[in-house]
Amino acid sequence: MKMKDVKSLISGGAILIGIVLYMIFADPPPDKDALPDHITIEQVEQATGKERIEVDFVQAYDGDTAQVKVDGKKEKVRFLMVDTPEMNYQKGDPMPLAEDGKYFTKKLLMEARHVYVVFDEGKETDHYDRWLAYIFADDKLVQEELLKEGLAAVRFVNPGNNTFESEFKEIEQTAKDANKGVWKYDNYLQRDGFHPEVVQ
């Protein structure tokens, strides 16, 4: 064998070894299952064209409404596209799972290092002058977490403020299939809202 052939063989072998070592030790390509299994704040910003606003959590009124403070001013935030059972403060008679929803939201937002709201493309306030927004506790979308636990249902969906409607409905369906939260009770949620009398 000529020296030239030996050099070629060695060179080719080195390349082959390099390829094998790369395949063994290199980071594998991201697996689809390893990608975030939740809606990220970056996704919401990109889809809506709106930037996050950092706020300070003050209090939760119920599962789907909270008070926050931004630039020293207090604002009420009504979480887009979800509805939780009512606390009924005036009657002093919370609907079934209303307190669970309130506690769940309060815990998420109170324990978060950062709380953000992101508006959708539509109206930013309702007729009560509450902000209509997606709300994040660190990297968790509160609406998504409520829906996963069956503590909220997809309701009050309006054009322009429904960018993540299909994703929310998919999450809701998973909770329904698992009979979680409000879905444990037949007909608790009807077209016109929650009916606590069917749970009593």
C-alpha atoms as a PDB file:
ATOM      1  CA  MET A   1       0.000   0.000   0.000  1.00  0.00           C
ATOM      2  CA  LYS A   2       1.350   3.380  -0.966  1.00  0.00           C
ATOM      3  CA  MET A   3       1.952   6.077   1.632  1.00  0.00           C
ATOM      4  CA  LYS A   4      -0.635   8.254  -0.127  1.00  0.00           C
ATOM      5  CA  ASP A   5      -3.262   5.532   0.328  1.00  0.00           C
ATOM      6  CA  VAL A   6      -2.329   5.092   3.995  1.00  0.00           C
ATOM      7  CA  LYS A   7      -2.751   8.833   4.599  1.00  0.00           C
ATOM      8  CA  SER A   8      -6.116   8.785   2.862  1.00  0.00           C
ATOM      9  CA  LEU A   9      -7.212   5.813   4.938  1.00  0.00           C
ATOM     10  CA  ILE A  10      -6.108   7.472   8.186  1.00  0.00           C
ATOM     11  CA  SER A  11      -7.746  10.745   7.200  1.00  0.00           C
ATOM     12  CA  GLY A  12     -11.000   9.019   6.245  1.00  0.00           C
ATOM     13  CA  GLY A  13     -10.948   6.982   9.468  1.00  0.00           C
ATOM     14  CA  ALA A  14     -10.439  10.115  11.548  1.00  0.00           C
ATOM     15  CA  ILE A  15     -13.430  11.768   9.882  1.00  0.00           C
ATOM     16  CA  LEU A  16     -15.547   8.674  10.474  1.00  0.00           C
ATOM     17  CA  ILE A  17     -14.519   8.528  14.150  1.00  0.00           C
ATOM     18  CA  GLY A  18     -15.316  12.229  14.468  1.00  0.00           C
ATOM     19  CA  ILE A  19     -18.802  11.678  13.037  1.00  0.00           C
ATOM     20  CA  VAL A  20     -19.428   8.711  15.367  1.00  0.00           C
ATOM     21  CA  LEU A  21     -18.238  10.673  18.418  1.00  0.00           C
ATOM     22  CA  TYR A  22     -20.425  13.630  17.432  1.00  0.00           C
ATOM     23  CA  MET A  23     -23.474  11.376  17.127  1.00  0.00           C
ATOM     24  CA  ILE A  24     -22.771   9.850  20.554  1.00  0.00           C
ATOM     25  CA  PHE A  25     -22.002  12.990  22.529  1.00  0.00           C
ATOM     26  CA  ALA A  26     -23.778  15.818  20.739  1.00  0.00           C
ATOM     27  CA  ASP A  27     -27.056  17.099  22.200  1.00  0.00           C
ATOM     28  CA  PRO A  28     -29.961  15.344  20.507  1.00  0.00           C
ATOM     29  CA  PRO A  29     -32.323  17.476  18.439  1.00  0.00           C
ATOM     30  CA  PRO A  30     -35.239  18.752  20.495  1.00  0.00           C
ATOM     31  CA  ASP A  31     -37.941  16.162  20.735  1.00  0.00           C
ATOM     32  CA  LYS A  32     -41.439  17.472  20.116  1.00  0.00           C
ATOM     33  CA  ASP A  33     -42.504  15.963  23.432  1.00  0.00           C
ATOM     34  CA  ALA A  34     -39.716  17.884  25.170  1.00  0.00           C
ATOM     35  CA  LEU A  35     -40.985  21.237  23.919  1.00  0.00           C
ATOM     36  CA  PRO A  36     -43.053  23.362  26.339  1.00  0.00           C
ATOM     37  CA  ASP A  37     -46.388  21.675  26.952  1.00  0.00           C
ATOM     38  CA  HIS A  38     -47.979  24.976  27.864  1.00  0.00           C
ATOM     39  CA  ILE A  39     -48.744  28.334  26.281  1.00  0.00           C
ATOM     40  CA  THR A  40     -45.745  30.598  26.805  1.00  0.00           C
ATOM     41  CA  ILE A  41     -45.758  34.345  27.256  1.00  0.00           C
ATOM     42  CA  GLU A  42     -43.587  34.637  24.153  1.00  0.00           C
ATOM     43  CA  GLN A  43     -46.252  32.798  22.136  1.00  0.00           C
ATOM     44  CA  VAL A  44     -48.936  35.147  23.426  1.00  0.00           C
ATOM     45  CA  GLU A  45     -46.869  38.245  22.659  1.00  0.00           C
ATOM     46  CA  GLN A  46     -46.100  37.006  19.149  1.00  0.00           C
ATOM     47  CA  ALA A  47     -49.685  35.951  18.374  1.00  0.00           C
ATOM     48  CA  THR A  48     -51.319  39.112  19.721  1.00  0.00           C
ATOM     49  CA  GLY A  49     -48.639  41.617  18.754  1.00  0.00           C
ATOM     50  CA  LYS A  50     -48.814  42.990  22.308  1.00  0.00           C
ATOM     51  CA  GLU A  51     -46.009  43.211  24.839  1.00  0.00           C
ATOM     52  CA  ARG A  52     -46.223  41.992  28.423  1.00  0.00           C
ATOM     53  CA  ILE A  53     -46.821  44.493  31.206  1.00  0.00           C
ATOM     54  CA  GLU A  54     -45.327  43.623  34.583  1.00  0.00           C
ATOM     55  CA  VAL A  55     -47.701  44.250  37.472  1.00  0.00           C
ATOM     56  CA  ASP A  56     -47.827  43.668  41.213  1.00  0.00           C
ATOM     57  CA  PHE A  57     -50.477  41.250  42.443  1.00  0.00           C
ATOM     58  CA  VAL A  58     -52.757  42.758  45.102  1.00  0.00           C
ATOM     59  CA  GLN A  59     -55.661  40.345  45.589  1.00  0.00           C
ATOM     60  CA  ALA A  60     -57.907  37.773  43.926  1.00  0.00           C
ATOM     61  CA  TYR A  61     -61.643  38.437  43.945  1.00  0.00           C
ATOM     62  CA  ASP A  62     -62.427  34.989  42.599  1.00  0.00           C
ATOM     63  CA  GLY A  63     -60.859  32.513  40.197  1.00  0.00           C
ATOM     64  CA  ASP A  64     -61.093  34.717  37.115  1.00  0.00           C
ATOM     65  CA  THR A  65     -60.655  38.256  38.455  1.00  0.00           C
ATOM     66  CA  ALA A  66     -57.775  39.874  40.312  1.00  0.00           C
ATOM     67  CA  GLN A  67     -56.563  43.270  41.381  1.00  0.00           C
ATOM     68  CA  VAL A  68     -53.074  44.354  40.387  1.00  0.00           C
ATOM     69  CA  LYS A  69     -51.009  47.479  40.745  1.00  0.00           C
ATOM     70  CA  VAL A  70     -49.027  49.092  37.937  1.00  0.00           C
ATOM     71  CA  ASP A  71     -47.175  52.394  38.230  1.00  0.00           C
ATOM     72  CA  GLY A  72     -48.811  52.923  41.602  1.00  0.00           C
ATOM     73  CA  LYS A  73     -52.345  52.585  40.208  1.00  0.00           C
ATOM     74  CA  LYS A  74     -54.676  49.691  41.034  1.00  0.00           C
ATOM     75  CA  GLU A  75     -56.456  47.913  38.195  1.00  0.00           C
ATOM     76  CA  LYS A  76     -58.915  45.029  38.101  1.00  0.00           C
ATOM     77  CA  VAL A  77     -58.078  42.307  35.589  1.00  0.00           C
ATOM     78  CA  ARG A  78     -60.771  40.037  34.157  1.00  0.00           C
ATOM     79  CA  PHE A  79     -59.021  36.976  32.720  1.00  0.00           C
ATOM     80  CA  LEU A  80     -59.849  36.566  29.042  1.00  0.00           C
ATOM     81  CA  MET A  81     -62.072  33.697  27.887  1.00  0.00           C
ATOM     82  CA  VAL A  82     -62.491  31.869  31.189  1.00  0.00           C
ATOM     83  CA  ASP A  83     -65.271  31.789  33.760  1.00  0.00           C
ATOM     84  CA  THR A  84     -65.135  30.372  37.270  1.00  0.00           C
ATOM     85  CA  PRO A  85     -67.975  29.828  39.754  1.00  0.00           C
ATOM     86  CA  GLU A  86     -68.996  33.007  41.581  1.00  0.00           C
ATOM     87  CA  MET A  87     -68.058  33.844  45.162  1.00  0.00           C
ATOM     88  CA  ASN A  88     -71.422  35.639  45.694  1.00  0.00           C
ATOM     89  CA  TYR A  89     -70.008  37.979  48.321  1.00  0.00           C
ATOM     90  CA  GLN A  90     -73.322  39.804  48.824  1.00  0.00           C
ATOM     91  CA  LYS A  91     -75.157  36.576  49.623  1.00  0.00           C
ATOM     92  CA  GLY A  92     -72.258  35.060  51.540  1.00  0.00           C
ATOM     93  CA  ASP A  93     -72.940  31.842  49.665  1.00  0.00           C
ATOM     94  CA  PRO A  94     -70.137  30.871  47.266  1.00  0.00           C
ATOM     95  CA  MET A  95     -70.993  28.534  44.409  1.00  0.00           C
ATOM     96  CA  PRO A  96     -69.439  25.044  44.523  1.00  0.00           C
ATOM     97  CA  LEU A  97     -65.699  25.227  43.707  1.00  0.00           C
ATOM     98  CA  ALA A  98     -65.721  29.046  43.757  1.00  0.00           C
ATOM     99  CA  GLU A  99     -63.415  29.134  46.780  1.00  0.00           C
ATOM    100  CA  ASP A 100     -61.163  26.513  45.194  1.00  0.00           C
ATOM    101  CA  GLY A 101     -60.815  28.661  42.085  1.00  0.00           C
ATOM    102  CA  LYS A 102     -60.107  31.798  44.092  1.00  0.00           C
ATOM    103  CA  TYR A 103     -57.504  30.058  46.263  1.00  0.00           C
ATOM    104  CA  PHE A 104     -55.855  28.480  43.211  1.00  0.00           C
ATOM    105  CA  THR A 105     -55.522  31.848  41.456  1.00  0.00           C
ATOM    106  CA  LYS A 106     -54.402  33.625  44.608  1.00  0.00           C
ATOM    107  CA  LYS A 107     -51.709  31.017  45.308  1.00  0.00           C
ATOM    108  CA  LEU A 108     -50.350  31.116  41.747  1.00  0.00           C
ATOM    109  CA  LEU A 109     -50.132  34.901  41.646  1.00  0.00           C
ATOM    110  CA  MET A 110     -49.003  35.424  45.226  1.00  0.00           C
ATOM    111  CA  GLU A 111     -46.121  32.956  44.930  1.00  0.00           C
ATOM    112  CA  ALA A 112     -44.953  34.192  41.520  1.00  0.00           C
ATOM    113  CA  ARG A 113     -41.760  36.215  41.365  1.00  0.00           C
ATOM    114  CA  HIS A 114     -43.166  38.104  38.377  1.00  0.00           C
ATOM    115  CA  VAL A 115     -46.764  38.717  37.297  1.00  0.00           C
ATOM    116  CA  TYR A 116     -47.506  39.889  33.761  1.00  0.00           C
ATOM    117  CA  VAL A 117     -50.589  40.800  31.773  1.00  0.00           C
ATOM    118  CA  VAL A 118     -50.810  40.715  27.993  1.00  0.00           C
ATOM    119  CA  PHE A 119     -53.722  42.208  26.082  1.00  0.00           C
ATOM    120  CA  ASP A 120     -55.216  40.597  22.998  1.00  0.00           C
ATOM    121  CA  GLU A 121     -56.015  42.439  19.755  1.00  0.00           C
ATOM    122  CA  GLY A 122     -59.529  43.487  20.808  1.00  0.00           C
ATOM    123  CA  LYS A 123     -60.955  45.734  23.537  1.00  0.00           C
ATOM    124  CA  GLU A 124     -58.649  46.179  26.500  1.00  0.00           C
ATOM    125  CA  THR A 125     -61.401  46.961  29.024  1.00  0.00           C
ATOM    126  CA  ASP A 126     -64.979  45.840  29.666  1.00  0.00           C
ATOM    127  CA  HIS A 127     -68.018  47.886  30.698  1.00  0.00           C
ATOM    128  CA  TYR A 128     -66.878  47.654  34.337  1.00  0.00           C
ATOM    129  CA  ASP A 129     -63.573  49.265  33.292  1.00  0.00           C
ATOM    130  CA  ARG A 130     -61.696  46.063  34.102  1.00  0.00           C
ATOM    131  CA  TRP A 131     -58.679  45.102  32.016  1.00  0.00           C
ATOM    132  CA  LEU A 132     -59.339  42.149  29.713  1.00  0.00           C
ATOM    133  CA  ALA A 133     -56.098  40.227  29.471  1.00  0.00           C
ATOM    134  CA  TYR A 134     -54.065  37.055  29.651  1.00  0.00           C
ATOM    135  CA  ILE A 135     -52.341  36.865  33.027  1.00  0.00           C
ATOM    136  CA  PHE A 136     -49.106  35.063  33.793  1.00  0.00           C
ATOM    137  CA  ALA A 137     -47.618  33.909  37.083  1.00  0.00           C
ATOM    138  CA  ASP A 138     -43.961  33.676  36.057  1.00  0.00           C
ATOM    139  CA  ASP A 139     -44.114  31.324  33.043  1.00  0.00           C
ATOM    140  CA  LYS A 140     -47.593  29.932  33.779  1.00  0.00           C
ATOM    141  CA  LEU A 141     -50.671  31.258  32.020  1.00  0.00           C
ATOM    142  CA  VAL A 142     -53.253  31.396  34.806  1.00  0.00           C
ATOM    143  CA  GLN A 143     -56.180  30.769  32.450  1.00  0.00           C
ATOM    144  CA  GLU A 144     -54.517  27.611  31.188  1.00  0.00           C
ATOM    145  CA  GLU A 145     -53.822  26.347  34.709  1.00  0.00           C
ATOM    146  CA  LEU A 146     -57.432  26.956  35.790  1.00  0.00           C
ATOM    147  CA  LEU A 147     -58.744  25.109  32.738  1.00  0.00           C
ATOM    148  CA  LYS A 148     -56.388  22.164  33.324  1.00  0.00           C
ATOM    149  CA  GLU A 149     -57.734  21.750  36.854  1.00  0.00           C
ATOM    150  CA  GLY A 150     -61.350  22.024  35.739  1.00  0.00           C
ATOM    151  CA  LEU A 151     -61.772  25.125  37.901  1.00  0.00           C
ATOM    152  CA  ALA A 152     -62.795  27.268  34.924  1.00  0.00           C
ATOM    153  CA  ALA A 153     -64.715  26.908  31.686  1.00  0.00           C
ATOM    154  CA  VAL A 154     -64.181  28.636  28.344  1.00  0.00           C
ATOM    155  CA  ARG A 155     -66.792  31.408  28.181  1.00  0.00           C
ATOM    156  CA  PHE A 156     -67.258  35.041  27.134  1.00  0.00           C
ATOM    157  CA  VAL A 157     -65.349  34.563  23.907  1.00  0.00           C
ATOM    158  CA  ASN A 158     -65.378  37.670  21.736  1.00  0.00           C
ATOM    159  CA  PRO A 159     -63.794  38.340  18.336  1.00  0.00           C
ATOM    160  CA  GLY A 160     -60.484  40.131  18.673  1.00  0.00           C
ATOM    161  CA  ASN A 161     -59.967  38.770  22.157  1.00  0.00           C
ATOM    162  CA  ASN A 162     -59.986  35.108  21.222  1.00  0.00           C
ATOM    163  CA  THR A 163     -56.522  34.413  19.803  1.00  0.00           C
ATOM    164  CA  PHE A 164     -56.089  31.302  21.954  1.00  0.00           C
ATOM    165  CA  GLU A 165     -59.684  30.083  21.819  1.00  0.00           C
ATOM    166  CA  SER A 166     -58.915  26.750  20.166  1.00  0.00           C
ATOM    167  CA  GLU A 167     -56.052  26.026  22.587  1.00  0.00           C
ATOM    168  CA  PHE A 168     -58.262  26.872  25.572  1.00  0.00           C
ATOM    169  CA  LYS A 169     -61.061  24.628  24.303  1.00  0.00           C
ATOM    170  CA  GLU A 170     -58.639  21.760  23.824  1.00  0.00           C
ATOM    171  CA  ILE A 171     -57.379  22.122  27.404  1.00  0.00           C
ATOM    172  CA  GLU A 172     -60.963  22.358  28.664  1.00  0.00           C
ATOM    173  CA  GLN A 173     -61.891  19.165  26.817  1.00  0.00           C
ATOM    174  CA  THR A 174     -59.048  17.280  28.505  1.00  0.00           C
ATOM    175  CA  ALA A 175     -60.384  18.335  31.924  1.00  0.00           C
ATOM    176  CA  LYS A 176     -63.924  17.373  30.860  1.00  0.00           C
ATOM    177  CA  ASP A 177     -62.762  13.932  29.766  1.00  0.00           C
ATOM    178  CA  ALA A 178     -61.105  13.470  33.149  1.00  0.00           C
ATOM    179  CA  ASN A 179     -64.188  14.718  35.064  1.00  0.00           C
ATOM    180  CA  LYS A 180     -62.090  17.282  36.896  1.00  0.00           C
ATOM    181  CA  GLY A 181     -63.404  20.213  38.903  1.00  0.00           C
ATOM    182  CA  VAL A 182     -66.673  21.652  37.622  1.00  0.00           C
ATOM    183  CA  TRP A 183     -66.965  18.764  35.163  1.00  0.00           C
ATOM    184  CA  LYS A 184     -67.525  16.274  37.989  1.00  0.00           C
ATOM    185  CA  TYR A 185     -71.119  17.468  38.166  1.00  0.00           C
ATOM    186  CA  ASP A 186     -73.575  16.883  35.339  1.00  0.00           C
ATOM    187  CA  ASN A 187     -75.150  20.105  34.098  1.00  0.00           C
ATOM    188  CA  TYR A 188     -73.341  22.306  36.639  1.00  0.00           C
ATOM    189  CA  LEU A 189     -72.365  24.558  33.753  1.00  0.00           C
ATOM    190  CA  GLN A 190     -75.227  25.360  31.386  1.00  0.00           C
ATOM    191  CA  ARG A 191     -75.598  27.851  28.542  1.00  0.00           C
ATOM    192  CA  ASP A 192     -76.453  30.701  30.900  1.00  0.00           C
ATOM    193  CA  GLY A 193     -73.767  29.951  33.492  1.00  0.00           C
ATOM    194  CA  PHE A 194     -73.193  27.821  36.575  1.00  0.00           C
ATOM    195  CA  HIS A 195     -76.168  26.211  38.327  1.00  0.00           C
ATOM    196  CA  PRO A 196     -75.225  25.406  41.920  1.00  0.00           C
ATOM    197  CA  GLU A 197     -78.619  23.837  42.606  1.00  0.00           C
ATOM    198  CA  VAL A 198     -77.644  20.742  40.599  1.00  0.00           C
ATOM    199  CA  VAL A 199     -74.708  20.121  42.938  1.00  0.00           C
ATOM    200  CA  GLN A 200     -76.636  20.415  46.213  1.00  0.00           C
END
